[in-house]
Amino acid sequence: MKKRKITSLLLLLVGVALSVAFFLRIEFPQGFGDYFKRAYYNQFGPLAISLELLFAGYYLFIGDKKTNFALALFGFTALLDPLFDQIGLFNSIVPLYGTIILSVCGLFCLWFAFANTFQLKRLSRTAAILSVILGVLIELYFNYL
């Protein structure tokens, strides 16, 4: 239990720090019409990934049965962003420091989720596939569509 709480606090700390950093990078338009342009909404992609990390860290802290799904969803979303950027599907707007931090956290979260490290509800195959699909949809929504 102590390791779970320490790990969750680290994830929460990283999630809060990145959320603040990514929120401060958002440029709010001056005109009303600019709020409806795709470029405005694309800025929220990095913030969405860091918020997923916050939710996963919170679920891990309280020991909820949805923890492994939240960890897997964050892990896949965090790792799909640089993957899609590298294969040329889109240009990621996540800064390099964010990509590195989120990728490292994403790898650990996937490991925690699939190994059921903290003895929470085991991740089913359906939940694992759903987390991949949702991760892809989140990435495509903020970067491609």
C-alpha atoms as a PDB file:
ATOM      1  CA  MET A   1       0.000   0.000   0.000  1.00  0.00           C
ATOM      2  CA  LYS A   2       2.835   2.370   0.793  1.00  0.00           C
ATOM      3  CA  LYS A   3       4.470   1.813  -2.625  1.00  0.00           C
ATOM      4  CA  ARG A   4       1.136   2.405  -4.331  1.00  0.00           C
ATOM      5  CA  LYS A   5       0.630   5.719  -2.513  1.00  0.00           C
ATOM      6  CA  ILE A   6       4.175   6.912  -3.247  1.00  0.00           C
ATOM      7  CA  THR A   7       3.865   5.949  -6.919  1.00  0.00           C
ATOM      8  CA  SER A   8       0.497   7.654  -7.195  1.00  0.00           C
ATOM      9  CA  LEU A   9       1.819  10.827  -5.555  1.00  0.00           C
ATOM     10  CA  LEU A  10       4.702  10.911  -8.033  1.00  0.00           C
ATOM     11  CA  LEU A  11       2.280  10.490 -10.942  1.00  0.00           C
ATOM     12  CA  LEU A  12       0.039  13.199  -9.509  1.00  0.00           C
ATOM     13  CA  LEU A  13       2.989  15.556  -9.052  1.00  0.00           C
ATOM     14  CA  VAL A  14       4.180  15.027 -12.629  1.00  0.00           C
ATOM     15  CA  GLY A  15       0.605  15.369 -13.902  1.00  0.00           C
ATOM     16  CA  VAL A  16       0.025  18.661 -12.076  1.00  0.00           C
ATOM     17  CA  ALA A  17       3.380  20.100 -13.184  1.00  0.00           C
ATOM     18  CA  LEU A  18       2.811  19.181 -16.827  1.00  0.00           C
ATOM     19  CA  SER A  19      -0.811  20.342 -16.752  1.00  0.00           C
ATOM     20  CA  VAL A  20       0.261  23.768 -15.512  1.00  0.00           C
ATOM     21  CA  ALA A  21       3.096  23.961 -18.052  1.00  0.00           C
ATOM     22  CA  PHE A  22       0.842  22.935 -20.940  1.00  0.00           C
ATOM     23  CA  PHE A  23      -1.989  25.225 -19.852  1.00  0.00           C
ATOM     24  CA  LEU A  24       0.364  28.206 -19.765  1.00  0.00           C
ATOM     25  CA  ARG A  25       1.355  27.492 -23.383  1.00  0.00           C
ATOM     26  CA  ILE A  26      -2.243  27.804 -24.641  1.00  0.00           C
ATOM     27  CA  GLU A  27      -2.858  30.991 -26.603  1.00  0.00           C
ATOM     28  CA  PHE A  28      -6.384  32.274 -26.159  1.00  0.00           C
ATOM     29  CA  PRO A  29      -7.730  34.138 -29.203  1.00  0.00           C
ATOM     30  CA  GLN A  30      -8.867  37.744 -29.134  1.00  0.00           C
ATOM     31  CA  GLY A  31     -11.785  37.410 -31.520  1.00  0.00           C
ATOM     32  CA  PHE A  32     -14.922  35.350 -30.961  1.00  0.00           C
ATOM     33  CA  GLY A  33     -14.648  33.500 -34.275  1.00  0.00           C
ATOM     34  CA  ASP A  34     -11.153  32.221 -33.532  1.00  0.00           C
ATOM     35  CA  TYR A  35     -12.509  30.027 -30.750  1.00  0.00           C
ATOM     36  CA  PHE A  36     -14.152  27.844 -33.393  1.00  0.00           C
ATOM     37  CA  LYS A  37     -10.995  27.177 -35.419  1.00  0.00           C
ATOM     38  CA  ARG A  38      -9.185  23.866 -35.322  1.00  0.00           C
ATOM     39  CA  ALA A  39      -5.860  25.462 -34.399  1.00  0.00           C
ATOM     40  CA  TYR A  40      -7.339  26.629 -31.110  1.00  0.00           C
ATOM     41  CA  TYR A  41      -8.550  23.168 -30.096  1.00  0.00           C
ATOM     42  CA  ASN A  42      -5.309  21.456 -31.168  1.00  0.00           C
ATOM     43  CA  GLN A  43      -3.527  23.321 -28.366  1.00  0.00           C
ATOM     44  CA  PHE A  44      -5.411  21.268 -25.772  1.00  0.00           C
ATOM     45  CA  GLY A  45      -3.901  17.908 -26.839  1.00  0.00           C
ATOM     46  CA  PRO A  46      -0.909  18.000 -24.460  1.00  0.00           C
ATOM     47  CA  LEU A  47      -3.174  19.186 -21.648  1.00  0.00           C
ATOM     48  CA  ALA A  48      -5.545  16.264 -22.278  1.00  0.00           C
ATOM     49  CA  ILE A  49      -2.678  13.768 -21.981  1.00  0.00           C
ATOM     50  CA  SER A  50      -1.471  15.312 -18.721  1.00  0.00           C
ATOM     51  CA  LEU A  51      -5.023  15.278 -17.359  1.00  0.00           C
ATOM     52  CA  GLU A  52      -5.206  11.560 -18.169  1.00  0.00           C
ATOM     53  CA  LEU A  53      -2.075  11.163 -16.058  1.00  0.00           C
ATOM     54  CA  LEU A  54      -3.761  13.067 -13.232  1.00  0.00           C
ATOM     55  CA  PHE A  55      -6.819  10.816 -13.349  1.00  0.00           C
ATOM     56  CA  ALA A  56      -4.678   7.685 -13.453  1.00  0.00           C
ATOM     57  CA  GLY A  57      -2.644   8.923 -10.496  1.00  0.00           C
ATOM     58  CA  TYR A  58      -5.791   9.751  -8.557  1.00  0.00           C
ATOM     59  CA  TYR A  59      -7.337   6.335  -9.224  1.00  0.00           C
ATOM     60  CA  LEU A  60      -4.095   4.698  -8.137  1.00  0.00           C
ATOM     61  CA  PHE A  61      -4.038   6.792  -4.961  1.00  0.00           C
ATOM     62  CA  ILE A  62      -7.526   5.741  -3.884  1.00  0.00           C
ATOM     63  CA  GLY A  63      -7.078   2.167  -5.149  1.00  0.00           C
ATOM     64  CA  ASP A  64     -10.123   2.228  -7.425  1.00  0.00           C
ATOM     65  CA  LYS A  65     -11.001  -0.773  -9.572  1.00  0.00           C
ATOM     66  CA  LYS A  66     -10.708   1.418 -12.694  1.00  0.00           C
ATOM     67  CA  THR A  67      -7.034   2.134 -12.005  1.00  0.00           C
ATOM     68  CA  ASN A  68      -5.491  -0.311 -14.463  1.00  0.00           C
ATOM     69  CA  PHE A  69      -7.768   0.890 -17.270  1.00  0.00           C
ATOM     70  CA  ALA A  70      -6.864   4.536 -16.551  1.00  0.00           C
ATOM     71  CA  LEU A  71      -3.158   3.653 -16.422  1.00  0.00           C
ATOM     72  CA  ALA A  72      -3.390   1.774 -19.734  1.00  0.00           C
ATOM     73  CA  LEU A  73      -5.366   4.573 -21.390  1.00  0.00           C
ATOM     74  CA  PHE A  74      -2.794   7.151 -20.338  1.00  0.00           C
ATOM     75  CA  GLY A  75       0.101   4.905 -21.313  1.00  0.00           C
ATOM     76  CA  PHE A  76      -1.192   4.257 -24.805  1.00  0.00           C
ATOM     77  CA  THR A  77      -2.129   7.897 -25.393  1.00  0.00           C
ATOM     78  CA  ALA A  78       1.252   9.119 -24.170  1.00  0.00           C
ATOM     79  CA  LEU A  79       3.152   6.664 -26.367  1.00  0.00           C
ATOM     80  CA  LEU A  80       0.970   7.047 -29.454  1.00  0.00           C
ATOM     81  CA  ASP A  81       1.672  10.785 -29.647  1.00  0.00           C
ATOM     82  CA  PRO A  82       5.399  10.458 -30.459  1.00  0.00           C
ATOM     83  CA  LEU A  83       4.731   7.327 -32.537  1.00  0.00           C
ATOM     84  CA  PHE A  84       2.216   9.097 -34.770  1.00  0.00           C
ATOM     85  CA  ASP A  85       4.575  12.068 -34.983  1.00  0.00           C
ATOM     86  CA  GLN A  86       7.463   9.833 -36.099  1.00  0.00           C
ATOM     87  CA  ILE A  87       5.480   8.000 -38.767  1.00  0.00           C
ATOM     88  CA  GLY A  88       4.298  11.342 -40.162  1.00  0.00           C
ATOM     89  CA  LEU A  89       0.597  11.129 -39.391  1.00  0.00           C
ATOM     90  CA  PHE A  90       0.742  14.570 -37.766  1.00  0.00           C
ATOM     91  CA  ASN A  91       3.166  16.999 -36.174  1.00  0.00           C
ATOM     92  CA  SER A  92       2.860  16.765 -32.420  1.00  0.00           C
ATOM     93  CA  ILE A  93       2.736  20.032 -30.511  1.00  0.00           C
ATOM     94  CA  VAL A  94       3.892  18.423 -27.276  1.00  0.00           C
ATOM     95  CA  PRO A  95       7.263  19.992 -26.428  1.00  0.00           C
ATOM     96  CA  LEU A  96      10.309  17.726 -26.284  1.00  0.00           C
ATOM     97  CA  TYR A  97      10.516  17.772 -22.478  1.00  0.00           C
ATOM     98  CA  GLY A  98       6.839  16.805 -22.322  1.00  0.00           C
ATOM     99  CA  THR A  99       7.291  14.003 -24.832  1.00  0.00           C
ATOM    100  CA  ILE A 100      10.182  12.532 -22.861  1.00  0.00           C
ATOM    101  CA  ILE A 101       8.449  12.785 -19.479  1.00  0.00           C
ATOM    102  CA  LEU A 102       5.107  11.500 -20.768  1.00  0.00           C
ATOM    103  CA  SER A 103       6.761   8.608 -22.629  1.00  0.00           C
ATOM    104  CA  VAL A 104       8.663   7.466 -19.543  1.00  0.00           C
ATOM    105  CA  CYS A 105       5.524   7.755 -17.395  1.00  0.00           C
ATOM    106  CA  GLY A 106       3.524   6.005 -20.116  1.00  0.00           C
ATOM    107  CA  LEU A 107       5.875   3.026 -20.186  1.00  0.00           C
ATOM    108  CA  PHE A 108       5.723   2.661 -16.413  1.00  0.00           C
ATOM    109  CA  CYS A 109       1.929   3.026 -16.399  1.00  0.00           C
ATOM    110  CA  LEU A 110       1.532   0.330 -19.051  1.00  0.00           C
ATOM    111  CA  TRP A 111       3.777  -1.934 -17.017  1.00  0.00           C
ATOM    112  CA  PHE A 112       1.766  -1.243 -13.847  1.00  0.00           C
ATOM    113  CA  ALA A 113      -1.531  -1.843 -15.678  1.00  0.00           C
ATOM    114  CA  PHE A 114      -0.683  -5.065 -17.486  1.00  0.00           C
ATOM    115  CA  ALA A 115       1.361  -6.627 -14.686  1.00  0.00           C
ATOM    116  CA  ASN A 116      -1.315  -5.690 -12.123  1.00  0.00           C
ATOM    117  CA  THR A 117       1.530  -4.477  -9.926  1.00  0.00           C
ATOM    118  CA  PHE A 118      -0.669  -3.065  -7.186  1.00  0.00           C
ATOM    119  CA  GLN A 119      -3.092  -6.027  -7.051  1.00  0.00           C
ATOM    120  CA  LEU A 120      -6.105  -4.057  -8.208  1.00  0.00           C
ATOM    121  CA  LYS A 121      -8.735  -5.317 -10.654  1.00  0.00           C
ATOM    122  CA  ARG A 122      -6.930  -7.135 -13.453  1.00  0.00           C
ATOM    123  CA  LEU A 123      -7.161  -5.547 -16.909  1.00  0.00           C
ATOM    124  CA  SER A 124      -9.301  -7.647 -19.240  1.00  0.00           C
ATOM    125  CA  ARG A 125      -8.546  -8.092 -22.928  1.00  0.00           C
ATOM    126  CA  THR A 126     -11.599  -6.027 -23.792  1.00  0.00           C
ATOM    127  CA  ALA A 127     -10.467  -3.194 -21.528  1.00  0.00           C
ATOM    128  CA  ALA A 128      -6.958  -3.346 -22.990  1.00  0.00           C
ATOM    129  CA  ILE A 129      -8.265  -3.133 -26.552  1.00  0.00           C
ATOM    130  CA  LEU A 130     -10.644  -0.341 -25.558  1.00  0.00           C
ATOM    131  CA  SER A 131      -7.785   1.631 -23.992  1.00  0.00           C
ATOM    132  CA  VAL A 132      -5.801   1.365 -27.236  1.00  0.00           C
ATOM    133  CA  ILE A 133      -8.790   2.453 -29.322  1.00  0.00           C
ATOM    134  CA  LEU A 134      -9.585   5.381 -27.026  1.00  0.00           C
ATOM    135  CA  GLY A 135      -5.918   6.408 -27.006  1.00  0.00           C
ATOM    136  CA  VAL A 136      -5.897   6.469 -30.812  1.00  0.00           C
ATOM    137  CA  LEU A 137      -9.162   8.442 -30.916  1.00  0.00           C
ATOM    138  CA  ILE A 138      -7.878  11.013 -28.415  1.00  0.00           C
ATOM    139  CA  GLU A 139      -4.690  11.497 -30.416  1.00  0.00           C
ATOM    140  CA  LEU A 140      -6.535  11.794 -33.709  1.00  0.00           C
ATOM    141  CA  TYR A 141      -9.100  14.202 -32.247  1.00  0.00           C
ATOM    142  CA  PHE A 142      -6.544  16.680 -30.989  1.00  0.00           C
ATOM    143  CA  ASN A 143      -4.025  16.375 -33.800  1.00  0.00           C
ATOM    144  CA  TYR A 144      -5.557  15.180 -37.013  1.00  0.00           C
ATOM    145  CA  LEU A 145      -9.302  15.647 -37.259  1.00  0.00           C
END
